[in-house]
Amino acid sequence: IPFDTEDEAVAIANCTGFGLVASVWTENGARQMRMAKRMRAGQVFINNYGAGGGVELPFGGVGLSGHGREKGFEALYGFSSLKTVAAKHD
């Protein structure tokens, strides 16, 4: 899909209800990070696709691609629940 500006490229990439994986292809280091931050996806690959990662790298999507994370410390949140207990002591 052709585009003229970074803004247009990001708008095209984010124009979906899904957001599992995105990729940015550019040799410009500043552009890589700038565009990756703007991508609405659970993972963003730069100049590659499907590099994956070990168990220490959280994995998951956004939007219709799912909620929560697998792998890594972030995955533990799916198996725990937060509880607040407030007690008055006399």
N, C-alpha and C. Protein backbone atom coordinates (compact mmCIF):
# COMPACT_ATOMS: atom_id res chain seq x y z
N ILE A 1 0.86 -1.17 0.00
CA ILE A 1 0.00 0.00 0.00
C ILE A 1 0.90 1.23 0.00
N PRO A 2 0.81 2.05 -0.99
CA PRO A 2 1.66 3.24 -1.04
C PRO A 2 1.23 4.31 -0.03
N PHE A 3 2.21 5.07 0.44
CA PHE A 3 1.94 6.18 1.35
C PHE A 3 2.99 7.26 1.12
N ASP A 4 2.69 8.48 1.57
CA ASP A 4 3.60 9.60 1.35
C ASP A 4 4.29 10.07 2.62
N THR A 5 3.66 9.90 3.78
CA THR A 5 4.22 10.41 5.03
C THR A 5 4.17 9.34 6.11
N GLU A 6 4.94 9.56 7.18
CA GLU A 6 4.88 8.66 8.33
C GLU A 6 3.48 8.62 8.91
N ASP A 7 2.86 9.77 9.03
CA ASP A 7 1.50 9.83 9.59
C ASP A 7 0.54 8.96 8.78
N GLU A 8 0.66 9.03 7.47
CA GLU A 8 -0.22 8.23 6.61
C GLU A 8 0.08 6.74 6.77
N ALA A 9 1.36 6.39 6.85
CA ALA A 9 1.74 4.98 7.02
C ALA A 9 1.19 4.42 8.33
N VAL A 10 1.31 5.17 9.40
CA VAL A 10 0.81 4.72 10.70
C VAL A 10 -0.71 4.61 10.68
N ALA A 11 -1.37 5.57 10.04
CA ALA A 11 -2.84 5.53 9.95
C ALA A 11 -3.29 4.28 9.19
N ILE A 12 -2.60 3.94 8.12
CA ILE A 12 -2.94 2.74 7.35
C ILE A 12 -2.72 1.49 8.21
N ALA A 13 -1.58 1.44 8.88
CA ALA A 13 -1.25 0.27 9.71
C ALA A 13 -2.23 0.09 10.86
N ASN A 14 -2.68 1.19 11.43
CA ASN A 14 -3.56 1.11 12.60
C ASN A 14 -5.04 1.06 12.22
N CYS A 15 -5.35 1.05 10.94
CA CYS A 15 -6.74 1.07 10.48
C CYS A 15 -7.33 -0.34 10.46
N THR A 16 -7.31 -1.00 11.58
CA THR A 16 -7.84 -2.35 11.72
C THR A 16 -8.22 -2.57 13.18
N GLY A 17 -9.13 -3.46 13.40
CA GLY A 17 -9.49 -3.79 14.77
C GLY A 17 -8.50 -4.74 15.42
N PHE A 18 -7.60 -5.29 14.60
CA PHE A 18 -6.63 -6.26 15.11
C PHE A 18 -5.32 -5.57 15.45
N GLY A 19 -4.49 -6.23 16.23
CA GLY A 19 -3.23 -5.61 16.61
C GLY A 19 -2.26 -6.58 17.26
N LEU A 20 -2.06 -7.73 16.63
CA LEU A 20 -1.15 -8.71 17.21
C LEU A 20 0.30 -8.34 16.93
N VAL A 21 0.63 -8.11 15.67
CA VAL A 21 2.02 -7.85 15.28
C VAL A 21 2.05 -6.79 14.18
N ALA A 22 3.06 -5.92 14.24
CA ALA A 22 3.31 -4.93 13.19
C ALA A 22 4.79 -4.96 12.86
N SER A 23 5.16 -4.35 11.76
CA SER A 23 6.58 -4.24 11.43
C SER A 23 6.87 -2.88 10.82
N VAL A 24 8.06 -2.39 11.08
CA VAL A 24 8.54 -1.11 10.55
C VAL A 24 9.80 -1.41 9.76
N TRP A 25 9.85 -0.94 8.53
CA TRP A 25 11.00 -1.19 7.67
C TRP A 25 11.64 0.14 7.28
N THR A 26 12.74 0.48 7.92
CA THR A 26 13.50 1.68 7.60
C THR A 26 14.88 1.56 8.22
N GLU A 27 15.86 2.20 7.59
CA GLU A 27 17.22 2.20 8.13
C GLU A 27 17.44 3.35 9.10
N ASN A 28 16.50 4.28 9.16
CA ASN A 28 16.61 5.45 10.02
C ASN A 28 16.24 5.08 11.45
N GLY A 29 17.23 5.06 12.35
CA GLY A 29 17.01 4.64 13.74
C GLY A 29 15.97 5.46 14.47
N ALA A 30 15.98 6.77 14.30
CA ALA A 30 14.99 7.61 14.98
C ALA A 30 13.59 7.30 14.46
N ARG A 31 13.46 7.09 13.16
CA ARG A 31 12.16 6.77 12.58
C ARG A 31 11.68 5.40 13.07
N GLN A 32 12.58 4.45 13.22
CA GLN A 32 12.21 3.12 13.71
C GLN A 32 11.47 3.23 15.04
N MET A 33 12.08 3.91 15.99
CA MET A 33 11.48 4.02 17.32
C MET A 33 10.22 4.88 17.31
N ARG A 34 10.27 5.97 16.57
CA ARG A 34 9.12 6.88 16.50
C ARG A 34 7.89 6.15 15.96
N MET A 35 8.07 5.39 14.90
CA MET A 35 6.93 4.70 14.30
C MET A 35 6.50 3.50 15.14
N ALA A 36 7.45 2.78 15.72
CA ALA A 36 7.10 1.63 16.56
C ALA A 36 6.24 2.05 17.74
N LYS A 37 6.53 3.20 18.33
CA LYS A 37 5.74 3.70 19.46
C LYS A 37 4.30 3.99 19.05
N ARG A 38 4.10 4.35 17.80
CA ARG A 38 2.77 4.74 17.33
C ARG A 38 1.94 3.56 16.81
N MET A 39 2.57 2.43 16.57
CA MET A 39 1.85 1.26 16.07
C MET A 39 0.97 0.67 17.17
N ARG A 40 -0.26 0.38 16.84
CA ARG A 40 -1.20 -0.21 17.79
C ARG A 40 -1.12 -1.72 17.62
N ALA A 41 -0.11 -2.30 18.27
CA ALA A 41 0.11 -3.75 18.16
C ALA A 41 0.81 -4.25 19.41
N GLY A 42 0.61 -5.52 19.69
CA GLY A 42 1.25 -6.12 20.86
C GLY A 42 2.75 -6.29 20.69
N GLN A 43 3.20 -6.51 19.47
CA GLN A 43 4.62 -6.62 19.16
C GLN A 43 4.90 -5.83 17.90
N VAL A 44 6.06 -5.16 17.86
CA VAL A 44 6.48 -4.46 16.66
C VAL A 44 7.89 -4.93 16.32
N PHE A 45 8.05 -5.48 15.14
CA PHE A 45 9.35 -5.91 14.65
C PHE A 45 9.93 -4.79 13.79
N ILE A 46 11.24 -4.60 13.89
CA ILE A 46 11.92 -3.58 13.09
C ILE A 46 12.87 -4.27 12.13
N ASN A 47 12.64 -4.04 10.84
CA ASN A 47 13.45 -4.60 9.75
C ASN A 47 13.53 -6.12 9.78
N ASN A 48 12.53 -6.76 10.34
CA ASN A 48 12.42 -8.21 10.29
C ASN A 48 10.98 -8.55 10.62
N TYR A 49 10.67 -9.80 10.51
CA TYR A 49 9.32 -10.22 10.84
C TYR A 49 9.37 -11.62 11.43
N GLY A 50 8.79 -11.77 12.59
CA GLY A 50 8.73 -13.08 13.22
C GLY A 50 9.98 -13.47 13.96
N ALA A 51 10.73 -12.50 14.46
CA ALA A 51 11.95 -12.82 15.20
C ALA A 51 11.63 -13.55 16.49
N GLY A 52 10.40 -13.42 16.97
CA GLY A 52 9.98 -14.13 18.17
C GLY A 52 10.70 -13.64 19.41
N GLY A 53 10.93 -14.54 20.30
CA GLY A 53 11.61 -14.19 21.53
C GLY A 53 11.48 -15.32 22.52
N GLY A 54 12.27 -15.25 23.53
CA GLY A 54 12.25 -16.27 24.56
C GLY A 54 11.11 -16.07 25.54
N VAL A 55 11.09 -16.91 26.53
CA VAL A 55 10.02 -16.86 27.52
C VAL A 55 10.02 -15.54 28.29
N GLU A 56 11.14 -14.85 28.28
CA GLU A 56 11.22 -13.59 29.02
C GLU A 56 10.56 -12.43 28.30
N LEU A 57 10.17 -12.59 27.03
CA LEU A 57 9.55 -11.50 26.28
C LEU A 57 8.03 -11.67 26.24
N PRO A 58 7.29 -10.75 26.85
CA PRO A 58 5.82 -10.85 26.83
C PRO A 58 5.29 -10.81 25.40
N PHE A 59 4.22 -11.56 25.17
CA PHE A 59 3.62 -11.64 23.85
C PHE A 59 2.12 -11.54 23.98
N GLY A 60 1.49 -10.75 23.13
CA GLY A 60 0.04 -10.63 23.11
C GLY A 60 -0.39 -9.51 22.19
N GLY A 61 -1.68 -9.45 21.92
CA GLY A 61 -2.20 -8.47 20.98
C GLY A 61 -3.01 -7.38 21.66
N VAL A 62 -3.59 -6.54 20.83
CA VAL A 62 -4.50 -5.49 21.29
C VAL A 62 -5.75 -5.56 20.43
N GLY A 63 -6.79 -4.91 20.85
CA GLY A 63 -8.03 -4.89 20.08
C GLY A 63 -8.61 -6.28 19.91
N LEU A 64 -9.03 -6.62 18.69
CA LEU A 64 -9.63 -7.92 18.41
C LEU A 64 -8.61 -9.05 18.39
N SER A 65 -7.34 -8.73 18.57
CA SER A 65 -6.31 -9.77 18.59
C SER A 65 -6.09 -10.34 19.98
N GLY A 66 -6.88 -9.92 20.94
CA GLY A 66 -6.77 -10.52 22.26
C GLY A 66 -6.41 -9.53 23.34
N HIS A 67 -6.51 -10.03 24.54
CA HIS A 67 -6.22 -9.21 25.72
C HIS A 67 -5.21 -9.94 26.58
N GLY A 68 -4.43 -9.20 27.32
CA GLY A 68 -3.46 -9.82 28.21
C GLY A 68 -2.19 -10.22 27.49
N ARG A 69 -1.31 -10.84 28.24
CA ARG A 69 -0.01 -11.23 27.71
C ARG A 69 0.30 -12.66 28.10
N GLU A 70 1.02 -13.32 27.21
CA GLU A 70 1.61 -14.61 27.50
C GLU A 70 3.09 -14.38 27.68
N LYS A 71 3.73 -15.21 28.43
CA LYS A 71 5.16 -15.15 28.71
C LYS A 71 5.50 -13.96 29.60
N GLY A 72 6.63 -14.02 30.21
CA GLY A 72 7.15 -12.92 31.00
C GLY A 72 6.35 -12.64 32.27
N PHE A 73 6.82 -11.68 33.03
CA PHE A 73 6.19 -11.30 34.29
C PHE A 73 4.76 -10.81 34.07
N GLU A 74 4.51 -10.13 32.94
CA GLU A 74 3.19 -9.59 32.67
C GLU A 74 2.13 -10.68 32.60
N ALA A 75 2.51 -11.89 32.20
CA ALA A 75 1.55 -12.99 32.10
C ALA A 75 1.00 -13.40 33.46
N LEU A 76 1.75 -13.16 34.51
CA LEU A 76 1.30 -13.52 35.85
C LEU A 76 0.05 -12.77 36.26
N TYR A 77 -0.15 -11.57 35.72
CA TYR A 77 -1.33 -10.79 36.07
C TYR A 77 -2.62 -11.49 35.68
N GLY A 78 -2.58 -12.30 34.64
CA GLY A 78 -3.77 -13.04 34.22
C GLY A 78 -4.15 -14.15 35.17
N PHE A 79 -3.24 -14.54 36.03
CA PHE A 79 -3.48 -15.62 36.98
C PHE A 79 -3.59 -15.11 38.41
N SER A 80 -3.67 -13.82 38.59
CA SER A 80 -3.79 -13.25 39.92
C SER A 80 -4.91 -12.23 39.96
N SER A 81 -5.32 -11.92 41.15
CA SER A 81 -6.36 -10.90 41.30
C SER A 81 -5.93 -9.94 42.40
N LEU A 82 -6.30 -8.71 42.20
CA LEU A 82 -5.95 -7.66 43.14
C LEU A 82 -7.02 -7.57 44.21
N LYS A 83 -6.59 -7.42 45.43
CA LYS A 83 -7.54 -7.27 46.53
C LYS A 83 -7.03 -6.18 47.45
N THR A 84 -7.90 -5.27 47.82
CA THR A 84 -7.58 -4.24 48.79
C THR A 84 -8.31 -4.57 50.08
N VAL A 85 -7.59 -4.56 51.17
CA VAL A 85 -8.19 -4.81 52.49
C VAL A 85 -7.89 -3.59 53.35
N ALA A 86 -8.95 -2.97 53.86
CA ALA A 86 -8.79 -1.80 54.73
C ALA A 86 -9.37 -2.15 56.09
N ALA A 87 -8.59 -1.97 57.12
CA ALA A 87 -9.05 -2.31 58.47
C ALA A 87 -8.81 -1.13 59.39
N LYS A 88 -9.76 -0.93 60.29
CA LYS A 88 -9.61 0.12 61.29
C LYS A 88 -9.09 -0.52 62.57
N HIS A 89 -8.03 0.02 63.08
CA HIS A 89 -7.45 -0.50 64.32
C HIS A 89 -7.71 0.50 65.43
N ASP A 90 -8.20 0.00 66.55
CA ASP A 90 -8.46 0.87 67.71
C ASP A 90 -7.27 0.95 68.61
